[in-house]
Amino acid sequence: MSLKEYTKRGIFTSYRSLDIFLQSWNDAEKKQAVIAELEAQGLSLSELQEETKSDLDIFDLICHIAYDAPALTRRERAENVKKRNYWTKYGDKARAVLNALLEKYAETGIEDIEDMKILTVDPLKSLGTPQEIVGLFGGKQAYLNALRELEAEIYRAA
């Protein structure tokens, strides 16, 4: 059995349909929790990602492998978010943070932007200290809400 077939079967064990998977993915506080759950079943999503297209988001990889959904690259997803320009409600500096997070997502994936440590690396650290950045949104919870909103935009159908 190939790695793809093994992964597809494993995904179906937890998520019998695309709708069930999407519900879990969208409801997850951190997408890493869904990824960790699948990896706990013995699925090596990172290995599969290397074997296929490494510029695919783990979400697209799962949807493509298990449910034959068309796959967008992280860059394509980021560009779709930019086209929708949803962040007009934020101030200039907060928009710069969201844009930097979107760029980081396009480069490395969703897991990295969900980690607060992202605020300590370029280009985000050039926008202020983690406390200053979180303050742009009105506090940590508001920042986390903005991040979840950004994720919802990333995974929204184009």
C-alpha atoms as a PDB file:
ATOM      1  CA  MET A   1       0.000   0.000   0.000  1.00  0.00           C
ATOM      2  CA  SER A   2       1.374   3.411  -0.947  1.00  0.00           C
ATOM      3  CA  LEU A   3       1.829   6.247   1.521  1.00  0.00           C
ATOM      4  CA  LYS A   4      -1.050   8.093  -0.181  1.00  0.00           C
ATOM      5  CA  GLU A   5      -3.442   5.148   0.162  1.00  0.00           C
ATOM      6  CA  TYR A   6      -2.411   4.581   3.777  1.00  0.00           C
ATOM      7  CA  THR A   7      -2.948   8.265   4.563  1.00  0.00           C
ATOM      8  CA  LYS A   8      -6.318   8.352   2.809  1.00  0.00           C
ATOM      9  CA  ARG A   9      -7.531   5.365   4.854  1.00  0.00           C
ATOM     10  CA  GLY A  10      -6.253   6.933   8.043  1.00  0.00           C
ATOM     11  CA  ILE A  11      -8.007  10.230   7.338  1.00  0.00           C
ATOM     12  CA  PHE A  12     -11.269   8.373   6.647  1.00  0.00           C
ATOM     13  CA  THR A  13     -10.939   6.696  10.052  1.00  0.00           C
ATOM     14  CA  SER A  14     -11.408  10.068  11.754  1.00  0.00           C
ATOM     15  CA  TYR A  15     -13.227  12.024   9.062  1.00  0.00           C
ATOM     16  CA  ARG A  16     -15.609   9.953   6.943  1.00  0.00           C
ATOM     17  CA  SER A  17     -16.520  12.900   4.727  1.00  0.00           C
ATOM     18  CA  LEU A  18     -15.094  16.199   3.571  1.00  0.00           C
ATOM     19  CA  ASP A  19     -17.860  18.013   5.485  1.00  0.00           C
ATOM     20  CA  ILE A  20     -16.873  16.318   8.752  1.00  0.00           C
ATOM     21  CA  PHE A  21     -13.213  17.173   8.164  1.00  0.00           C
ATOM     22  CA  LEU A  22     -14.026  20.802   7.297  1.00  0.00           C
ATOM     23  CA  GLN A  23     -16.155  21.164  10.424  1.00  0.00           C
ATOM     24  CA  SER A  24     -13.349  19.849  12.634  1.00  0.00           C
ATOM     25  CA  TRP A  25     -10.711  21.960  10.876  1.00  0.00           C
ATOM     26  CA  ASN A  26     -12.741  25.157  11.129  1.00  0.00           C
ATOM     27  CA  ASP A  27     -13.755  24.509  14.741  1.00  0.00           C
ATOM     28  CA  ALA A  28     -10.216  23.737  15.905  1.00  0.00           C
ATOM     29  CA  GLU A  29      -8.729  26.454  18.106  1.00  0.00           C
ATOM     30  CA  LYS A  30      -5.381  25.522  16.578  1.00  0.00           C
ATOM     31  CA  LYS A  31      -5.102  23.630  13.317  1.00  0.00           C
ATOM     32  CA  GLN A  32      -2.101  21.845  14.817  1.00  0.00           C
ATOM     33  CA  ALA A  33      -4.566  19.894  17.008  1.00  0.00           C
ATOM     34  CA  VAL A  34      -6.167  18.293  13.928  1.00  0.00           C
ATOM     35  CA  ILE A  35      -2.747  17.578  12.432  1.00  0.00           C
ATOM     36  CA  ALA A  36      -1.530  16.071  15.729  1.00  0.00           C
ATOM     37  CA  GLU A  37      -4.639  13.874  15.932  1.00  0.00           C
ATOM     38  CA  LEU A  38      -3.958  12.444  12.476  1.00  0.00           C
ATOM     39  CA  GLU A  39      -0.263  11.983  13.230  1.00  0.00           C
ATOM     40  CA  ALA A  40      -1.178  10.181  16.467  1.00  0.00           C
ATOM     41  CA  GLN A  41      -2.870   7.600  14.225  1.00  0.00           C
ATOM     42  CA  GLY A  42       0.491   6.984  12.607  1.00  0.00           C
ATOM     43  CA  LEU A  43      -0.017   9.209   9.575  1.00  0.00           C
ATOM     44  CA  SER A  44       3.093  11.069   8.491  1.00  0.00           C
ATOM     45  CA  LEU A  45       1.632  14.131   6.853  1.00  0.00           C
ATOM     46  CA  SER A  46       5.004  15.883   6.611  1.00  0.00           C
ATOM     47  CA  GLU A  47       6.464  12.855   4.819  1.00  0.00           C
ATOM     48  CA  LEU A  48       3.512  12.839   2.445  1.00  0.00           C
ATOM     49  CA  GLN A  49       3.939  16.564   1.917  1.00  0.00           C
ATOM     50  CA  GLU A  50       7.558  16.014   0.883  1.00  0.00           C
ATOM     51  CA  GLU A  51       6.520  13.187  -1.443  1.00  0.00           C
ATOM     52  CA  THR A  52       3.877  15.307  -3.185  1.00  0.00           C
ATOM     53  CA  LYS A  53       3.937  19.086  -3.532  1.00  0.00           C
ATOM     54  CA  SER A  54       5.714  20.719  -0.620  1.00  0.00           C
ATOM     55  CA  ASP A  55       4.105  24.110  -1.294  1.00  0.00           C
ATOM     56  CA  LEU A  56       0.664  22.717  -0.504  1.00  0.00           C
ATOM     57  CA  ASP A  57      -0.875  23.620   2.807  1.00  0.00           C
ATOM     58  CA  ILE A  58      -1.440  20.568   5.009  1.00  0.00           C
ATOM     59  CA  PHE A  59      -5.181  21.329   4.726  1.00  0.00           C
ATOM     60  CA  ASP A  60      -5.064  21.124   0.918  1.00  0.00           C
ATOM     61  CA  LEU A  61      -2.927  18.022   1.076  1.00  0.00           C
ATOM     62  CA  ILE A  62      -5.525  16.283   3.271  1.00  0.00           C
ATOM     63  CA  CYS A  63      -8.467  17.439   1.135  1.00  0.00           C
ATOM     64  CA  HIS A  64      -6.703  16.460  -2.077  1.00  0.00           C
ATOM     65  CA  ILE A  65      -5.463  13.049  -0.918  1.00  0.00           C
ATOM     66  CA  ALA A  66      -8.580  11.945   0.947  1.00  0.00           C
ATOM     67  CA  TYR A  67     -11.425  13.673  -0.874  1.00  0.00           C
ATOM     68  CA  ASP A  68      -9.993  14.386  -4.360  1.00  0.00           C
ATOM     69  CA  ALA A  69     -10.528  18.121  -3.843  1.00  0.00           C
ATOM     70  CA  PRO A  70      -8.530  20.532  -6.010  1.00  0.00           C
ATOM     71  CA  ALA A  71      -5.460  21.716  -4.129  1.00  0.00           C
ATOM     72  CA  LEU A  72      -4.325  25.304  -3.789  1.00  0.00           C
ATOM     73  CA  THR A  73      -0.777  26.193  -2.827  1.00  0.00           C
ATOM     74  CA  ARG A  74      -0.193  28.279   0.290  1.00  0.00           C
ATOM     75  CA  ARG A  75       0.758  31.190  -1.960  1.00  0.00           C
ATOM     76  CA  GLU A  76      -2.531  30.871  -3.910  1.00  0.00           C
ATOM     77  CA  ARG A  77      -4.495  30.872  -0.654  1.00  0.00           C
ATOM     78  CA  ALA A  78      -2.599  33.941   0.584  1.00  0.00           C
ATOM     79  CA  GLU A  79      -3.247  35.775  -2.691  1.00  0.00           C
ATOM     80  CA  ASN A  80      -6.969  34.973  -2.448  1.00  0.00           C
ATOM     81  CA  VAL A  81      -7.075  36.534   1.020  1.00  0.00           C
ATOM     82  CA  LYS A  82      -5.311  39.659  -0.261  1.00  0.00           C
ATOM     83  CA  LYS A  83      -7.803  39.995  -3.124  1.00  0.00           C
ATOM     84  CA  ARG A  84     -10.723  39.924  -0.678  1.00  0.00           C
ATOM     85  CA  ASN A  85      -9.084  42.691   1.388  1.00  0.00           C
ATOM     86  CA  TYR A  86     -11.090  41.708   4.472  1.00  0.00           C
ATOM     87  CA  TRP A  87      -8.867  43.535   6.956  1.00  0.00           C
ATOM     88  CA  THR A  88     -10.022  47.107   6.269  1.00  0.00           C
ATOM     89  CA  LYS A  89     -11.490  47.243   9.796  1.00  0.00           C
ATOM     90  CA  TYR A  90      -7.988  47.187  11.285  1.00  0.00           C
ATOM     91  CA  GLY A  91      -5.574  50.074  11.600  1.00  0.00           C
ATOM     92  CA  ASP A  92      -2.506  50.354   9.377  1.00  0.00           C
ATOM     93  CA  LYS A  93      -0.106  48.730  11.843  1.00  0.00           C
ATOM     94  CA  ALA A  94      -2.480  45.854  12.644  1.00  0.00           C
ATOM     95  CA  ARG A  95      -2.999  45.313   8.899  1.00  0.00           C
ATOM     96  CA  ALA A  96       0.777  45.186   8.474  1.00  0.00           C
ATOM     97  CA  VAL A  97       0.907  42.456  11.144  1.00  0.00           C
ATOM     98  CA  LEU A  98      -1.872  40.454   9.457  1.00  0.00           C
ATOM     99  CA  ASN A  99      -0.166  40.838   6.092  1.00  0.00           C
ATOM    100  CA  ALA A 100       3.148  39.651   7.584  1.00  0.00           C
ATOM    101  CA  LEU A 101       1.361  36.655   9.149  1.00  0.00           C
ATOM    102  CA  LEU A 102      -0.195  35.868   5.777  1.00  0.00           C
ATOM    103  CA  GLU A 103       3.236  35.987   4.139  1.00  0.00           C
ATOM    104  CA  LYS A 104       4.658  33.678   6.822  1.00  0.00           C
ATOM    105  CA  TYR A 105       1.747  31.306   6.196  1.00  0.00           C
ATOM    106  CA  ALA A 106       2.509  31.330   2.446  1.00  0.00           C
ATOM    107  CA  GLU A 107       6.160  30.525   3.174  1.00  0.00           C
ATOM    108  CA  THR A 108       5.894  27.938   5.939  1.00  0.00           C
ATOM    109  CA  GLY A 109       2.304  26.948   6.684  1.00  0.00           C
ATOM    110  CA  ILE A 110      -0.440  27.324   9.248  1.00  0.00           C
ATOM    111  CA  GLU A 111       1.345  25.694  12.176  1.00  0.00           C
ATOM    112  CA  ASP A 112       3.945  28.460  12.374  1.00  0.00           C
ATOM    113  CA  ILE A 113       1.535  31.386  12.500  1.00  0.00           C
ATOM    114  CA  GLU A 114      -0.488  29.752  15.294  1.00  0.00           C
ATOM    115  CA  ASP A 115       2.559  29.851  17.568  1.00  0.00           C
ATOM    116  CA  MET A 116       3.022  33.103  19.513  1.00  0.00           C
ATOM    117  CA  LYS A 117       6.772  32.768  18.853  1.00  0.00           C
ATOM    118  CA  ILE A 118       6.037  33.955  15.314  1.00  0.00           C
ATOM    119  CA  LEU A 119       5.939  37.481  16.745  1.00  0.00           C
ATOM    120  CA  THR A 120       9.667  37.258  17.507  1.00  0.00           C
ATOM    121  CA  VAL A 121      10.880  36.541  13.955  1.00  0.00           C
ATOM    122  CA  ASP A 122      11.235  38.679  10.855  1.00  0.00           C
ATOM    123  CA  PRO A 123       9.339  40.436   9.444  1.00  0.00           C
ATOM    124  CA  LEU A 124       7.057  40.554  12.494  1.00  0.00           C
ATOM    125  CA  LYS A 125       9.720  41.530  15.005  1.00  0.00           C
ATOM    126  CA  SER A 126      10.389  44.642  12.925  1.00  0.00           C
ATOM    127  CA  LEU A 127       6.775  45.698  13.604  1.00  0.00           C
ATOM    128  CA  GLY A 128       7.292  45.791  17.378  1.00  0.00           C
ATOM    129  CA  THR A 129       7.734  43.586  20.405  1.00  0.00           C
ATOM    130  CA  PRO A 130       5.220  40.773  20.890  1.00  0.00           C
ATOM    131  CA  GLN A 131       3.497  42.912  23.550  1.00  0.00           C
ATOM    132  CA  GLU A 132       3.317  45.908  21.207  1.00  0.00           C
ATOM    133  CA  ILE A 133       1.980  43.772  18.358  1.00  0.00           C
ATOM    134  CA  VAL A 134      -0.687  42.171  20.552  1.00  0.00           C
ATOM    135  CA  GLY A 135      -1.527  45.663  21.816  1.00  0.00           C
ATOM    136  CA  LEU A 136      -2.308  46.796  18.264  1.00  0.00           C
ATOM    137  CA  PHE A 137      -5.303  44.477  18.381  1.00  0.00           C
ATOM    138  CA  GLY A 138      -6.399  45.427  21.893  1.00  0.00           C
ATOM    139  CA  GLY A 139      -4.812  42.574  23.828  1.00  0.00           C
ATOM    140  CA  LYS A 140      -3.931  38.906  23.507  1.00  0.00           C
ATOM    141  CA  GLN A 141      -7.493  37.611  23.135  1.00  0.00           C
ATOM    142  CA  ALA A 142      -8.273  40.189  20.440  1.00  0.00           C
ATOM    143  CA  TYR A 143      -5.037  39.240  18.638  1.00  0.00           C
ATOM    144  CA  LEU A 144      -5.978  35.552  18.812  1.00  0.00           C
ATOM    145  CA  ASN A 145      -9.455  36.401  17.499  1.00  0.00           C
ATOM    146  CA  ALA A 146      -7.893  38.316  14.590  1.00  0.00           C
ATOM    147  CA  LEU A 147      -5.626  35.320  13.901  1.00  0.00           C
ATOM    148  CA  ARG A 148      -8.638  32.961  13.848  1.00  0.00           C
ATOM    149  CA  GLU A 149     -10.391  35.350  11.495  1.00  0.00           C
ATOM    150  CA  LEU A 150      -7.316  35.352   9.243  1.00  0.00           C
ATOM    151  CA  GLU A 151      -7.322  31.541   9.269  1.00  0.00           C
ATOM    152  CA  ALA A 152     -11.019  31.513   8.372  1.00  0.00           C
ATOM    153  CA  GLU A 153     -10.196  33.750   5.399  1.00  0.00           C
ATOM    154  CA  ILE A 154      -7.294  31.516   4.373  1.00  0.00           C
ATOM    155  CA  TYR A 155      -9.528  28.436   4.298  1.00  0.00           C
ATOM    156  CA  ARG A 156     -12.610  30.120   2.892  1.00  0.00           C
ATOM    157  CA  ALA A 157     -13.537  28.875  -0.564  1.00  0.00           C
ATOM    158  CA  ALA A 158     -12.420  31.365  -3.196  1.00  0.00           C
END
